[in-house]
């Protein structure tokens, strides 16, 4: 799977009910609940754009906007053993 780079982490505060599920599932501890019990990003530089917060948010309040990381010069394309070349 190609690595992703975060472009934006969009949080719709009107939809967020403050359940904390996104906070729990974030593997890099990027998200917290703020003083209003709404999801907030504390350290976007640590976000790996995995999309776990977006996937598990029951209120559809989070959108992870990401792009594929540029491949290093001369790097071989990623392949899948069962399907072959993915480029």
N, C-alpha and C. Protein backbone atom coordinates (compact mmCIF):
# COMPACT_ATOMS: atom_id res chain seq x y z
N UNK A 1 0.84 -1.17 0.00
CA UNK A 1 0.00 0.00 0.00
C UNK A 1 0.89 1.24 0.00
N UNK A 2 0.56 2.19 -0.85
CA UNK A 2 1.35 3.42 -0.94
C UNK A 2 1.18 4.26 0.32
N UNK A 3 2.26 4.90 0.72
CA UNK A 3 2.18 5.79 1.88
C UNK A 3 1.39 7.03 1.50
N UNK A 4 0.72 7.60 2.49
CA UNK A 4 -0.11 8.78 2.26
C UNK A 4 0.47 9.98 3.00
N UNK A 5 0.25 11.15 2.43
CA UNK A 5 0.61 12.41 3.08
C UNK A 5 -0.68 13.17 3.36
N UNK A 6 -0.79 13.68 4.56
CA UNK A 6 -1.97 14.44 4.94
C UNK A 6 -1.98 15.79 4.23
N UNK A 7 -3.09 16.11 3.60
CA UNK A 7 -3.29 17.45 3.04
C UNK A 7 -4.14 18.27 4.00
N UNK A 8 -5.24 17.66 4.47
CA UNK A 8 -6.15 18.34 5.41
C UNK A 8 -6.83 17.32 6.30
N UNK A 9 -7.13 17.73 7.51
CA UNK A 9 -7.97 16.94 8.41
C UNK A 9 -9.16 17.83 8.74
N UNK A 10 -10.29 17.50 8.16
CA UNK A 10 -11.48 18.33 8.31
C UNK A 10 -12.37 17.76 9.41
N UNK A 11 -12.72 18.58 10.39
CA UNK A 11 -13.60 18.17 11.48
C UNK A 11 -14.81 19.09 11.48
N UNK A 12 -15.98 18.51 11.27
CA UNK A 12 -17.23 19.26 11.30
C UNK A 12 -17.71 19.30 12.75
N UNK A 13 -17.42 20.41 13.41
CA UNK A 13 -17.73 20.53 14.84
C UNK A 13 -19.23 20.50 15.12
N UNK A 14 -20.04 20.88 14.15
CA UNK A 14 -21.49 20.83 14.34
C UNK A 14 -22.00 19.39 14.40
N UNK A 15 -21.32 18.49 13.69
CA UNK A 15 -21.72 17.08 13.68
C UNK A 15 -21.11 16.29 14.83
N UNK A 16 -19.95 16.72 15.30
CA UNK A 16 -19.23 16.00 16.36
C UNK A 16 -20.04 16.03 17.65
N UNK A 17 -20.26 14.84 18.23
CA UNK A 17 -20.99 14.74 19.49
C UNK A 17 -20.06 14.51 20.67
N UNK A 18 -18.76 14.46 20.41
CA UNK A 18 -17.79 14.32 21.49
C UNK A 18 -17.70 12.93 22.09
N UNK A 19 -17.96 11.90 21.30
CA UNK A 19 -17.93 10.53 21.83
C UNK A 19 -16.51 10.05 22.12
N UNK A 20 -15.51 10.61 21.41
CA UNK A 20 -14.11 10.25 21.64
C UNK A 20 -13.64 9.01 20.91
N UNK A 21 -14.48 8.44 20.06
CA UNK A 21 -14.08 7.24 19.33
C UNK A 21 -12.87 7.54 18.44
N UNK A 22 -12.87 8.69 17.78
CA UNK A 22 -11.75 9.07 16.91
C UNK A 22 -10.46 9.18 17.73
N UNK A 23 -10.57 9.73 18.91
CA UNK A 23 -9.40 9.88 19.80
C UNK A 23 -8.85 8.50 20.15
N UNK A 24 -9.74 7.59 20.47
CA UNK A 24 -9.35 6.23 20.86
C UNK A 24 -8.64 5.48 19.73
N UNK A 25 -9.13 5.63 18.50
CA UNK A 25 -8.59 4.85 17.39
C UNK A 25 -7.41 5.50 16.68
N UNK A 26 -7.08 6.75 16.97
CA UNK A 26 -5.94 7.41 16.32
C UNK A 26 -4.64 6.77 16.82
N UNK A 27 -3.87 6.13 15.93
CA UNK A 27 -2.66 5.44 16.37
C UNK A 27 -1.51 6.39 16.73
N UNK A 28 -1.62 7.65 16.38
CA UNK A 28 -0.55 8.61 16.64
C UNK A 28 -0.94 9.68 17.65
N UNK A 29 -2.09 9.52 18.31
CA UNK A 29 -2.55 10.47 19.33
C UNK A 29 -2.62 11.91 18.81
N UNK A 30 -3.09 12.05 17.59
CA UNK A 30 -3.22 13.37 16.97
C UNK A 30 -4.47 14.09 17.48
N UNK A 31 -5.52 13.33 17.74
CA UNK A 31 -6.80 13.92 18.11
C UNK A 31 -7.02 13.92 19.62
N UNK A 32 -7.72 14.95 20.08
CA UNK A 32 -8.12 15.08 21.49
C UNK A 32 -9.55 15.63 21.50
N UNK A 33 -10.18 15.56 22.66
CA UNK A 33 -11.44 16.27 22.85
C UNK A 33 -11.10 17.58 23.52
N UNK A 34 -11.57 18.69 22.96
CA UNK A 34 -11.25 20.01 23.51
C UNK A 34 -12.17 20.35 24.68
N UNK A 35 -12.09 21.59 25.14
CA UNK A 35 -12.86 22.03 26.31
C UNK A 35 -14.37 21.98 26.07
N UNK A 36 -14.80 21.92 24.82
CA UNK A 36 -16.22 21.81 24.48
C UNK A 36 -16.61 20.36 24.16
N UNK A 37 -15.71 19.42 24.46
CA UNK A 37 -15.90 18.00 24.14
C UNK A 37 -16.15 17.77 22.65
N UNK A 38 -15.38 18.45 21.83
CA UNK A 38 -15.41 18.27 20.38
C UNK A 38 -14.03 17.79 19.94
N UNK A 39 -14.00 16.98 18.89
CA UNK A 39 -12.73 16.49 18.37
C UNK A 39 -11.90 17.66 17.86
N UNK A 40 -10.61 17.62 18.15
CA UNK A 40 -9.68 18.65 17.69
C UNK A 40 -8.33 17.99 17.43
N UNK A 41 -7.63 18.48 16.42
CA UNK A 41 -6.30 17.97 16.09
C UNK A 41 -5.26 18.76 16.87
N UNK A 42 -4.42 18.05 17.59
CA UNK A 42 -3.39 18.71 18.39
C UNK A 42 -2.02 18.72 17.70
N UNK A 43 -1.71 17.68 16.95
CA UNK A 43 -0.38 17.60 16.35
C UNK A 43 -0.49 17.03 14.94
N UNK A 44 -0.94 17.85 14.02
CA UNK A 44 -1.12 17.39 12.64
C UNK A 44 0.16 16.86 12.01
N UNK A 45 1.30 17.36 12.46
CA UNK A 45 2.57 16.89 11.89
C UNK A 45 2.78 15.40 12.15
N UNK A 46 2.11 14.85 13.16
CA UNK A 46 2.25 13.43 13.49
C UNK A 46 1.24 12.56 12.76
N UNK A 47 0.26 13.17 12.09
CA UNK A 47 -0.79 12.41 11.42
C UNK A 47 -0.20 11.63 10.24
N UNK A 48 -0.56 10.34 10.16
CA UNK A 48 -0.08 9.49 9.07
C UNK A 48 -1.16 9.26 8.01
N UNK A 49 -2.27 9.99 8.11
CA UNK A 49 -3.37 9.93 7.14
C UNK A 49 -3.90 8.51 6.95
N UNK A 50 -3.96 7.76 8.06
CA UNK A 50 -4.44 6.38 7.97
C UNK A 50 -5.95 6.30 7.79
N UNK A 51 -6.67 7.34 8.21
CA UNK A 51 -8.11 7.38 8.03
C UNK A 51 -8.91 6.64 9.09
N UNK A 52 -8.26 6.17 10.14
CA UNK A 52 -8.98 5.45 11.20
C UNK A 52 -10.03 6.34 11.85
N UNK A 53 -9.71 7.59 12.09
CA UNK A 53 -10.67 8.51 12.72
C UNK A 53 -11.91 8.68 11.85
N UNK A 54 -11.69 8.85 10.56
CA UNK A 54 -12.80 9.01 9.62
C UNK A 54 -13.64 7.74 9.54
N UNK A 55 -12.98 6.60 9.51
CA UNK A 55 -13.66 5.32 9.40
C UNK A 55 -14.57 5.04 10.59
N UNK A 56 -14.09 5.32 11.79
CA UNK A 56 -14.84 4.96 12.99
C UNK A 56 -15.77 6.05 13.52
N UNK A 57 -15.71 7.25 12.99
CA UNK A 57 -16.58 8.33 13.48
C UNK A 57 -18.04 8.01 13.15
N UNK A 58 -18.87 7.78 14.18
CA UNK A 58 -20.27 7.43 13.92
C UNK A 58 -21.11 8.61 13.42
N UNK A 59 -20.59 9.82 13.56
CA UNK A 59 -21.33 11.01 13.16
C UNK A 59 -20.88 11.57 11.81
N UNK A 60 -19.93 10.88 11.16
CA UNK A 60 -19.38 11.33 9.87
C UNK A 60 -18.88 12.76 9.95
N UNK A 61 -18.24 13.08 11.06
CA UNK A 61 -17.78 14.45 11.31
C UNK A 61 -16.33 14.68 10.88
N UNK A 62 -15.64 13.64 10.45
CA UNK A 62 -14.21 13.77 10.11
C UNK A 62 -13.96 13.33 8.68
N UNK A 63 -13.14 14.11 7.98
CA UNK A 63 -12.69 13.73 6.65
C UNK A 63 -11.18 13.91 6.58
N UNK A 64 -10.50 12.84 6.20
CA UNK A 64 -9.05 12.88 6.02
C UNK A 64 -8.80 13.07 4.53
N UNK A 65 -8.16 14.17 4.17
CA UNK A 65 -7.82 14.45 2.78
C UNK A 65 -6.32 14.17 2.65
N UNK A 66 -6.00 13.17 1.84
CA UNK A 66 -4.60 12.74 1.73
C UNK A 66 -4.23 12.57 0.26
N UNK A 67 -2.94 12.49 0.03
CA UNK A 67 -2.42 12.22 -1.30
C UNK A 67 -1.30 11.21 -1.17
N UNK A 68 -1.03 10.48 -2.24
CA UNK A 68 0.06 9.53 -2.22
C UNK A 68 1.39 10.25 -2.03
N UNK A 69 2.23 9.68 -1.19
CA UNK A 69 3.56 10.24 -0.99
C UNK A 69 4.37 10.02 -2.26
N UNK A 70 5.22 10.98 -2.62
CA UNK A 70 6.04 10.78 -3.82
C UNK A 70 6.99 9.61 -3.61
N UNK A 71 7.16 8.83 -4.65
CA UNK A 71 8.06 7.69 -4.60
C UNK A 71 9.49 8.19 -4.76
N UNK A 72 10.40 7.62 -4.01
CA UNK A 72 11.81 8.01 -4.09
C UNK A 72 12.33 7.73 -5.50
N UNK A 73 13.22 8.58 -5.97
CA UNK A 73 13.80 8.40 -7.30
C UNK A 73 14.45 7.03 -7.40
N UNK A 74 14.09 6.30 -8.44
CA UNK A 74 14.67 4.99 -8.67
C UNK A 74 14.02 3.86 -7.88
N UNK A 75 13.03 4.17 -7.05
CA UNK A 75 12.38 3.13 -6.25
C UNK A 75 11.50 2.27 -7.15
N UNK A 76 11.48 0.99 -6.87
CA UNK A 76 10.65 0.07 -7.64
C UNK A 76 9.18 0.27 -7.27
N UNK A 77 8.28 0.09 -8.21
CA UNK A 77 6.86 0.20 -7.89
C UNK A 77 6.45 -0.91 -6.93
N UNK A 78 5.44 -0.62 -6.11
CA UNK A 78 4.96 -1.62 -5.18
C UNK A 78 4.23 -2.70 -5.95
N UNK A 79 4.36 -3.94 -5.50
CA UNK A 79 3.67 -5.05 -6.14
C UNK A 79 2.94 -5.87 -5.10
N UNK A 80 1.98 -6.61 -5.58
CA UNK A 80 1.21 -7.52 -4.74
C UNK A 80 1.52 -8.93 -5.23
N UNK A 81 1.83 -9.83 -4.32
CA UNK A 81 2.22 -11.18 -4.73
C UNK A 81 1.13 -11.89 -5.51
N UNK A 82 -0.12 -11.64 -5.19
CA UNK A 82 -1.20 -12.36 -5.86
C UNK A 82 -1.67 -11.68 -7.14
N UNK A 83 -1.49 -10.37 -7.24
CA UNK A 83 -2.02 -9.66 -8.40
C UNK A 83 -0.95 -9.11 -9.33
N UNK A 84 0.29 -9.04 -8.90
CA UNK A 84 1.33 -8.49 -9.75
C UNK A 84 1.55 -7.02 -9.53
N UNK A 85 2.01 -6.32 -10.54
CA UNK A 85 2.35 -4.91 -10.44
C UNK A 85 1.14 -4.05 -10.15
N UNK A 86 1.34 -3.08 -9.22
CA UNK A 86 0.24 -2.19 -8.84
C UNK A 86 0.41 -0.80 -9.44
N UNK A 87 1.47 -0.57 -10.18
CA UNK A 87 1.69 0.77 -10.75
C UNK A 87 0.88 0.90 -11.97
